[in-house]
Amino acid sequence: MTTDVFSPEKRSAVMRRVKGRDTSPELAVRKVLRAAGIGYRLGGGGLPGRPDVVMKGRRVALFVHGCFWHGHDCPRGARRPKSNADYWIAKIARNRARDAAAVQALLADGWRVVVVWECEMRRPDFAASLVAEVTGQAASERA
């Protein structure tokens, strides 16, 4: 049994606040797309992995990933929890496998997949590189 600093009721309240949609990074990505005049839909459109943003006409599926939750190789994503480490390591591995399967399914169906990592949103050229990647004007190598 692991020791938790919160009571079960408080832990439940904390976990309820972890959003699955309309997160700050998602809202920031949508703001960039809107400012560039790029139309999109939310909800995944029944596509594998339920992309955060779908541009059907462009056949672009965009995922906004939190570095910790999706196991990015940046400092935040590489950080390992001290408590309940086995659970979190397995959970993040499952998330990564699920993400990879979704990307492969979308690519096989002719979609272009864009993955935005939470950490890369801090770069000064983030908005321009995102717009270029979504519009297909640049084959940028992103972290």
N, C-alpha and C. Protein backbone atom coordinates (compact mmCIF):
# COMPACT_ATOMS: atom_id res chain seq x y z
N MET A 1 0.84 -1.18 0.00
CA MET A 1 0.00 0.00 0.00
C MET A 1 0.88 1.24 0.00
N THR A 2 0.51 2.22 -0.83
CA THR A 2 1.29 3.44 -0.90
C THR A 2 0.70 4.49 0.04
N THR A 3 1.56 5.35 0.50
CA THR A 3 1.12 6.42 1.38
C THR A 3 0.78 7.63 0.53
N ASP A 4 -0.39 8.17 0.75
CA ASP A 4 -0.84 9.35 0.01
C ASP A 4 -0.91 10.52 0.98
N VAL A 5 -0.51 11.68 0.52
CA VAL A 5 -0.54 12.85 1.40
C VAL A 5 -1.96 13.39 1.56
N PHE A 6 -2.88 12.94 0.72
CA PHE A 6 -4.27 13.39 0.78
C PHE A 6 -5.17 12.28 1.30
N SER A 7 -6.28 12.68 1.88
CA SER A 7 -7.31 11.71 2.25
C SER A 7 -7.94 11.18 0.97
N PRO A 8 -8.62 10.05 1.02
CA PRO A 8 -9.27 9.53 -0.20
C PRO A 8 -10.24 10.54 -0.83
N GLU A 9 -10.95 11.28 0.00
CA GLU A 9 -11.90 12.27 -0.53
C GLU A 9 -11.17 13.40 -1.25
N LYS A 10 -10.09 13.88 -0.64
CA LYS A 10 -9.31 14.97 -1.24
C LYS A 10 -8.63 14.48 -2.52
N ARG A 11 -8.07 13.26 -2.52
CA ARG A 11 -7.43 12.71 -3.72
C ARG A 11 -8.44 12.62 -4.85
N SER A 12 -9.66 12.18 -4.53
CA SER A 12 -10.72 12.09 -5.53
C SER A 12 -11.03 13.47 -6.11
N ALA A 13 -11.09 14.47 -5.25
CA ALA A 13 -11.36 15.83 -5.72
C ALA A 13 -10.22 16.34 -6.61
N VAL A 14 -8.98 16.06 -6.22
CA VAL A 14 -7.83 16.47 -7.03
C VAL A 14 -7.88 15.82 -8.40
N MET A 15 -8.15 14.52 -8.45
CA MET A 15 -8.17 13.80 -9.72
C MET A 15 -9.34 14.22 -10.60
N ARG A 16 -10.44 14.61 -10.00
CA ARG A 16 -11.58 15.11 -10.79
C ARG A 16 -11.23 16.38 -11.54
N ARG A 17 -10.29 17.13 -11.01
CA ARG A 17 -9.89 18.40 -11.63
C ARG A 17 -8.94 18.21 -12.81
N VAL A 18 -8.40 17.00 -13.00
CA VAL A 18 -7.53 16.74 -14.14
C VAL A 18 -8.43 16.66 -15.36
N LYS A 19 -8.27 17.64 -16.24
CA LYS A 19 -9.17 17.74 -17.39
C LYS A 19 -8.77 16.78 -18.51
N GLY A 20 -9.76 16.32 -19.22
CA GLY A 20 -9.52 15.47 -20.38
C GLY A 20 -9.68 16.23 -21.68
N ARG A 21 -10.30 17.40 -21.59
CA ARG A 21 -10.49 18.23 -22.79
C ARG A 21 -10.54 19.69 -22.36
N ASP A 22 -10.35 20.56 -23.33
CA ASP A 22 -10.32 22.01 -23.09
C ASP A 22 -9.25 22.40 -22.07
N THR A 23 -8.11 21.72 -22.15
CA THR A 23 -6.99 22.05 -21.27
C THR A 23 -6.35 23.34 -21.76
N SER A 24 -5.52 23.95 -20.93
CA SER A 24 -4.84 25.19 -21.32
C SER A 24 -4.02 25.01 -22.60
N PRO A 25 -3.24 23.93 -22.74
CA PRO A 25 -2.50 23.76 -24.00
C PRO A 25 -3.43 23.60 -25.22
N GLU A 26 -4.54 22.88 -25.06
CA GLU A 26 -5.48 22.73 -26.17
C GLU A 26 -6.06 24.08 -26.56
N LEU A 27 -6.45 24.87 -25.58
CA LEU A 27 -7.01 26.19 -25.86
C LEU A 27 -6.00 27.08 -26.55
N ALA A 28 -4.73 27.00 -26.15
CA ALA A 28 -3.68 27.80 -26.78
C ALA A 28 -3.49 27.39 -28.25
N VAL A 29 -3.52 26.09 -28.53
CA VAL A 29 -3.37 25.61 -29.91
C VAL A 29 -4.56 26.11 -30.75
N ARG A 30 -5.75 26.00 -30.20
CA ARG A 30 -6.93 26.45 -30.94
C ARG A 30 -6.89 27.95 -31.19
N LYS A 31 -6.36 28.70 -30.25
CA LYS A 31 -6.23 30.16 -30.43
C LYS A 31 -5.30 30.47 -31.60
N VAL A 32 -4.18 29.74 -31.69
CA VAL A 32 -3.24 29.93 -32.81
C VAL A 32 -3.92 29.61 -34.13
N LEU A 33 -4.66 28.50 -34.18
CA LEU A 33 -5.34 28.11 -35.42
C LEU A 33 -6.39 29.14 -35.82
N ARG A 34 -7.17 29.61 -34.84
CA ARG A 34 -8.19 30.63 -35.13
C ARG A 34 -7.56 31.91 -35.65
N ALA A 35 -6.47 32.36 -35.01
CA ALA A 35 -5.80 33.59 -35.43
C ALA A 35 -5.27 33.47 -36.85
N ALA A 36 -4.90 32.26 -37.26
CA ALA A 36 -4.39 32.04 -38.62
C ALA A 36 -5.52 31.80 -39.62
N GLY A 37 -6.76 31.79 -39.13
CA GLY A 37 -7.90 31.57 -40.02
C GLY A 37 -8.05 30.13 -40.47
N ILE A 38 -7.53 29.20 -39.69
CA ILE A 38 -7.60 27.78 -40.04
C ILE A 38 -8.81 27.17 -39.35
N GLY A 39 -9.72 26.63 -40.14
CA GLY A 39 -10.92 26.01 -39.59
C GLY A 39 -10.63 24.62 -39.05
N TYR A 40 -11.37 24.23 -38.02
CA TYR A 40 -11.17 22.93 -37.40
C TYR A 40 -12.43 22.51 -36.69
N ARG A 41 -12.46 21.25 -36.31
CA ARG A 41 -13.55 20.69 -35.50
C ARG A 41 -12.94 20.02 -34.28
N LEU A 42 -13.76 19.91 -33.25
CA LEU A 42 -13.35 19.24 -32.02
C LEU A 42 -14.06 17.89 -31.92
N GLY A 43 -13.60 17.05 -31.05
CA GLY A 43 -14.31 15.81 -30.76
C GLY A 43 -13.77 14.59 -31.47
N GLY A 44 -12.81 14.74 -32.33
CA GLY A 44 -12.18 13.58 -32.93
C GLY A 44 -12.87 13.01 -34.14
N GLY A 45 -14.12 13.37 -34.39
CA GLY A 45 -14.81 12.92 -35.58
C GLY A 45 -14.84 11.42 -35.77
N GLY A 46 -14.83 10.65 -34.68
CA GLY A 46 -14.86 9.20 -34.79
C GLY A 46 -13.56 8.59 -35.27
N LEU A 47 -12.50 9.37 -35.26
CA LEU A 47 -11.20 8.88 -35.74
C LEU A 47 -10.46 8.13 -34.64
N PRO A 48 -9.53 7.26 -35.02
CA PRO A 48 -8.74 6.53 -34.02
C PRO A 48 -8.00 7.50 -33.10
N GLY A 49 -8.01 7.22 -31.82
CA GLY A 49 -7.31 8.04 -30.85
C GLY A 49 -8.03 9.32 -30.47
N ARG A 50 -9.17 9.60 -31.08
CA ARG A 50 -9.93 10.82 -30.83
C ARG A 50 -9.04 12.06 -30.79
N PRO A 51 -8.56 12.51 -31.95
CA PRO A 51 -7.68 13.69 -31.98
C PRO A 51 -8.37 14.88 -31.31
N ASP A 52 -7.55 15.76 -30.74
CA ASP A 52 -8.08 16.94 -30.07
C ASP A 52 -8.67 17.93 -31.07
N VAL A 53 -8.06 18.03 -32.24
CA VAL A 53 -8.49 18.94 -33.29
C VAL A 53 -8.45 18.18 -34.61
N VAL A 54 -9.50 18.33 -35.41
CA VAL A 54 -9.55 17.67 -36.72
C VAL A 54 -9.81 18.71 -37.79
N MET A 55 -9.00 18.67 -38.85
CA MET A 55 -9.20 19.52 -40.01
C MET A 55 -9.51 18.59 -41.18
N LYS A 56 -10.79 18.30 -41.34
CA LYS A 56 -11.23 17.27 -42.27
C LYS A 56 -10.80 17.57 -43.71
N GLY A 57 -10.97 18.80 -44.15
CA GLY A 57 -10.62 19.16 -45.52
C GLY A 57 -9.14 18.99 -45.80
N ARG A 58 -8.32 19.25 -44.82
CA ARG A 58 -6.88 19.10 -44.97
C ARG A 58 -6.41 17.68 -44.63
N ARG A 59 -7.33 16.89 -44.07
CA ARG A 59 -7.02 15.54 -43.58
C ARG A 59 -5.88 15.57 -42.58
N VAL A 60 -6.02 16.48 -41.61
CA VAL A 60 -5.04 16.64 -40.54
C VAL A 60 -5.72 16.31 -39.22
N ALA A 61 -5.09 15.43 -38.47
CA ALA A 61 -5.53 15.11 -37.11
C ALA A 61 -4.46 15.63 -36.17
N LEU A 62 -4.87 16.46 -35.22
CA LEU A 62 -3.92 17.10 -34.32
C LEU A 62 -4.15 16.64 -32.89
N PHE A 63 -3.09 16.19 -32.26
CA PHE A 63 -3.13 15.79 -30.86
C PHE A 63 -2.32 16.78 -30.04
N VAL A 64 -2.83 17.19 -28.90
CA VAL A 64 -2.09 18.02 -27.96
C VAL A 64 -1.78 17.14 -26.76
N HIS A 65 -0.49 16.84 -26.58
CA HIS A 65 -0.07 15.92 -25.53
C HIS A 65 0.63 16.63 -24.39
N GLY A 66 0.23 16.27 -23.18
CA GLY A 66 0.97 16.70 -22.00
C GLY A 66 2.23 15.84 -21.89
N CYS A 67 3.34 16.47 -21.59
CA CYS A 67 4.62 15.75 -21.59
C CYS A 67 4.66 14.62 -20.57
N PHE A 68 4.15 14.86 -19.37
CA PHE A 68 4.17 13.80 -18.35
C PHE A 68 3.24 12.66 -18.74
N TRP A 69 2.01 12.98 -19.08
CA TRP A 69 0.98 11.96 -19.31
C TRP A 69 1.27 11.09 -20.52
N HIS A 70 1.99 11.63 -21.50
CA HIS A 70 2.25 10.87 -22.72
C HIS A 70 3.72 10.48 -22.88
N GLY A 71 4.52 10.69 -21.83
CA GLY A 71 5.90 10.19 -21.80
C GLY A 71 6.84 10.82 -22.81
N HIS A 72 6.79 12.14 -22.95
CA HIS A 72 7.70 12.82 -23.86
C HIS A 72 9.13 12.72 -23.34
N ASP A 73 10.10 12.90 -24.22
CA ASP A 73 11.50 12.76 -23.80
C ASP A 73 12.11 14.09 -23.37
N CYS A 74 11.30 15.04 -22.96
CA CYS A 74 11.80 16.30 -22.41
C CYS A 74 11.98 16.13 -20.89
N PRO A 75 12.57 17.10 -20.21
CA PRO A 75 12.77 16.96 -18.76
C PRO A 75 11.48 16.68 -17.98
N ARG A 76 10.40 17.34 -18.33
CA ARG A 76 9.15 17.11 -17.60
C ARG A 76 8.60 15.71 -17.88
N GLY A 77 8.67 15.29 -19.13
CA GLY A 77 8.15 13.98 -19.49
C GLY A 77 9.01 12.84 -18.96
N ALA A 78 10.30 13.10 -18.80
CA ALA A 78 11.22 12.07 -18.31
C ALA A 78 11.17 11.92 -16.79
N ARG A 79 10.54 12.87 -16.13
CA ARG A 79 10.46 12.83 -14.67
C ARG A 79 9.61 11.63 -14.24
N ARG A 80 10.09 10.90 -13.27
CA ARG A 80 9.38 9.72 -12.78
C ARG A 80 8.82 10.00 -11.39
N PRO A 81 7.58 9.66 -11.16
CA PRO A 81 7.00 9.88 -9.84
C PRO A 81 7.68 9.02 -8.79
N LYS A 82 7.74 9.56 -7.58
CA LYS A 82 8.39 8.82 -6.49
C LYS A 82 7.40 7.88 -5.82
N SER A 83 6.15 8.27 -5.74
CA SER A 83 5.17 7.38 -5.11
C SER A 83 4.40 6.63 -6.19
N ASN A 84 4.14 5.39 -5.93
CA ASN A 84 3.39 4.53 -6.84
C ASN A 84 4.04 4.48 -8.23
N ALA A 85 5.35 4.45 -8.25
CA ALA A 85 6.11 4.54 -9.50
C ALA A 85 5.77 3.43 -10.48
N ASP A 86 5.60 2.20 -10.00
CA ASP A 86 5.29 1.09 -10.91
C ASP A 86 3.98 1.35 -11.65
N TYR A 87 2.98 1.84 -10.95
CA TYR A 87 1.69 2.14 -11.58
C TYR A 87 1.87 3.19 -12.68
N TRP A 88 2.56 4.30 -12.35
CA TRP A 88 2.69 5.39 -13.31
C TRP A 88 3.54 5.01 -14.50
N ILE A 89 4.59 4.25 -14.28
CA ILE A 89 5.43 3.82 -15.40
C ILE A 89 4.61 2.96 -16.36
N ALA A 90 3.82 2.03 -15.82
CA ALA A 90 2.97 1.18 -16.66
C ALA A 90 1.89 2.01 -17.36
N LYS A 91 1.30 2.96 -16.63
CA LYS A 91 0.24 3.81 -17.19
C LYS A 91 0.77 4.62 -18.37
N ILE A 92 1.93 5.24 -18.19
CA ILE A 92 2.51 6.05 -19.26
C ILE A 92 2.91 5.17 -20.44
N ALA A 93 3.40 3.98 -20.18
CA ALA A 93 3.74 3.05 -21.27
C ALA A 93 2.49 2.68 -22.06
N ARG A 94 1.37 2.45 -21.37
CA ARG A 94 0.10 2.15 -22.06
C ARG A 94 -0.34 3.35 -22.90
N ASN A 95 -0.20 4.55 -22.35
CA ASN A 95 -0.57 5.76 -23.09
C ASN A 95 0.26 5.88 -24.37
N ARG A 96 1.57 5.64 -24.25
CA ARG A 96 2.45 5.73 -25.42
C ARG A 96 2.08 4.70 -26.48
N ALA A 97 1.78 3.48 -26.05
CA ALA A 97 1.40 2.43 -26.99
C ALA A 97 0.08 2.78 -27.68
N ARG A 98 -0.87 3.28 -26.91
CA ARG A 98 -2.16 3.69 -27.47
C ARG A 98 -1.98 4.84 -28.47
N ASP A 99 -1.13 5.81 -28.12
CA ASP A 99 -0.86 6.94 -29.02
C ASP A 99 -0.25 6.44 -30.33
N ALA A 100 0.73 5.55 -30.23
CA ALA A 100 1.40 5.04 -31.44
C ALA A 100 0.42 4.28 -32.33
N ALA A 101 -0.45 3.49 -31.72
CA ALA A 101 -1.45 2.74 -32.50
C ALA A 101 -2.41 3.69 -33.20
N ALA A 102 -2.81 4.75 -32.52
CA ALA A 102 -3.73 5.72 -33.13
C ALA A 102 -3.07 6.43 -34.30
N VAL A 103 -1.81 6.83 -34.13
CA VAL A 103 -1.09 7.50 -35.22
C VAL A 103 -0.95 6.57 -36.41
N GLN A 104 -0.58 5.31 -36.19
CA GLN A 104 -0.43 4.37 -37.29
C GLN A 104 -1.75 4.16 -38.03
N ALA A 105 -2.85 4.05 -37.29
CA ALA A 105 -4.17 3.86 -37.92
C ALA A 105 -4.54 5.08 -38.76
N LEU A 106 -4.27 6.27 -38.25
CA LEU A 106 -4.60 7.49 -39.00
C LEU A 106 -3.73 7.60 -40.26
N LEU A 107 -2.45 7.32 -40.12
CA LEU A 107 -1.56 7.38 -41.29
C LEU A 107 -1.99 6.36 -42.35
N ALA A 108 -2.37 5.17 -41.92
CA ALA A 108 -2.80 4.14 -42.86
C ALA A 108 -4.08 4.55 -43.59
N ASP A 109 -4.87 5.41 -42.96
CA ASP A 109 -6.12 5.87 -43.56
C ASP A 109 -5.92 7.17 -44.35
N GLY A 110 -4.67 7.60 -44.52
CA GLY A 110 -4.39 8.77 -45.34
C GLY A 110 -4.44 10.11 -44.62
N TRP A 111 -4.43 10.11 -43.32
CA TRP A 111 -4.43 11.36 -42.55
C TRP A 111 -3.01 11.80 -42.27
N ARG A 112 -2.81 13.09 -42.19
CA ARG A 112 -1.56 13.65 -41.70
C ARG A 112 -1.74 13.88 -40.22
N VAL A 113 -0.78 13.48 -39.41
CA VAL A 113 -0.90 13.58 -37.96
C VAL A 113 0.10 14.60 -37.45
N VAL A 114 -0.41 15.52 -36.64
CA VAL A 114 0.44 16.52 -36.00
C VAL A 114 0.30 16.31 -34.50
N VAL A 115 1.43 16.16 -33.83
CA VAL A 115 1.44 16.03 -32.37
C VAL A 115 2.11 17.26 -31.80
N VAL A 116 1.39 17.97 -30.96
CA VAL A 116 1.92 19.14 -30.28
C VAL A 116 2.22 18.74 -28.84
N TRP A 117 3.46 18.93 -28.43
CA TRP A 117 3.85 18.62 -27.05
C TRP A 117 3.77 19.89 -26.22
N GLU A 118 3.31 19.73 -25.02
CA GLU A 118 3.14 20.84 -24.09
C GLU A 118 4.41 21.70 -23.98
N CYS A 119 5.57 21.07 -23.92
CA CYS A 119 6.82 21.80 -23.73
C CYS A 119 7.19 22.66 -24.94
N GLU A 120 6.84 22.23 -26.14
CA GLU A 120 7.24 22.99 -27.32
C GLU A 120 6.42 24.26 -27.50
N MET A 121 5.34 24.37 -26.76
CA MET A 121 4.50 25.55 -26.86
C MET A 121 5.19 26.78 -26.27
N ARG A 122 6.26 26.58 -25.53
CA ARG A 122 6.99 27.70 -24.93
C ARG A 122 7.98 28.34 -25.90
N ARG A 123 8.23 27.68 -27.02
CA ARG A 123 9.18 28.21 -28.00
C ARG A 123 8.63 29.48 -28.64
N PRO A 124 9.49 30.46 -28.90
CA PRO A 124 9.00 31.71 -29.50
C PRO A 124 8.41 31.53 -30.90
N ASP A 125 8.88 30.52 -31.64
CA ASP A 125 8.38 30.30 -32.99
C ASP A 125 7.26 29.27 -33.04
N PHE A 126 6.67 28.94 -31.90
CA PHE A 126 5.67 27.87 -31.86
C PHE A 126 4.50 28.13 -32.81
N ALA A 127 3.90 29.31 -32.73
CA ALA A 127 2.70 29.59 -33.54
C ALA A 127 3.01 29.46 -35.02
N ALA A 128 4.09 30.05 -35.46
CA ALA A 128 4.44 30.00 -36.88
C ALA A 128 4.74 28.58 -37.33
N SER A 129 5.45 27.81 -36.51
CA SER A 129 5.78 26.44 -36.92
C SER A 129 4.52 25.56 -36.93
N LEU A 130 3.61 25.80 -36.00
CA LEU A 130 2.35 25.02 -35.98
C LEU A 130 1.53 25.31 -37.24
N VAL A 131 1.37 26.58 -37.57
CA VAL A 131 0.60 26.95 -38.76
C VAL A 131 1.25 26.36 -40.01
N ALA A 132 2.56 26.44 -40.10
CA ALA A 132 3.27 25.89 -41.27
C ALA A 132 3.07 24.38 -41.36
N GLU A 133 3.13 23.71 -40.22
CA GLU A 133 2.97 22.25 -40.25
C GLU A 133 1.55 21.85 -40.61
N VAL A 134 0.58 22.54 -40.06
CA VAL A 134 -0.83 22.21 -40.33
C VAL A 134 -1.18 22.48 -41.79
N THR A 135 -0.66 23.56 -42.33
CA THR A 135 -0.99 23.92 -43.72
C THR A 135 -0.12 23.17 -44.73
N GLY A 136 0.87 22.43 -44.23
CA GLY A 136 1.71 21.65 -45.12
C GLY A 136 2.76 22.49 -45.82
N GLN A 137 3.00 23.70 -45.33
CA GLN A 137 3.98 24.58 -45.97
C GLN A 137 5.41 24.29 -45.54
N ALA A 138 5.57 23.50 -44.50
CA ALA A 138 6.92 23.18 -44.05
C ALA A 138 6.92 21.78 -43.45
N ALA A 139 7.92 21.03 -43.81
CA ALA A 139 8.08 19.71 -43.21
C ALA A 139 9.02 19.89 -42.01
N SER A 140 8.51 20.52 -40.99
CA SER A 140 9.37 20.82 -39.84
C SER A 140 9.59 19.60 -38.99
N GLU A 141 10.76 19.53 -38.44
CA GLU A 141 11.09 18.48 -37.48
C GLU A 141 10.80 19.04 -36.11
N ARG A 142 9.81 18.51 -35.44
CA ARG A 142 9.43 19.02 -34.13
C ARG A 142 9.82 18.04 -33.05
N ALA A 143 10.04 18.57 -31.87
CA ALA A 143 10.46 17.73 -30.73
C ALA A 143 9.42 16.73 -30.35
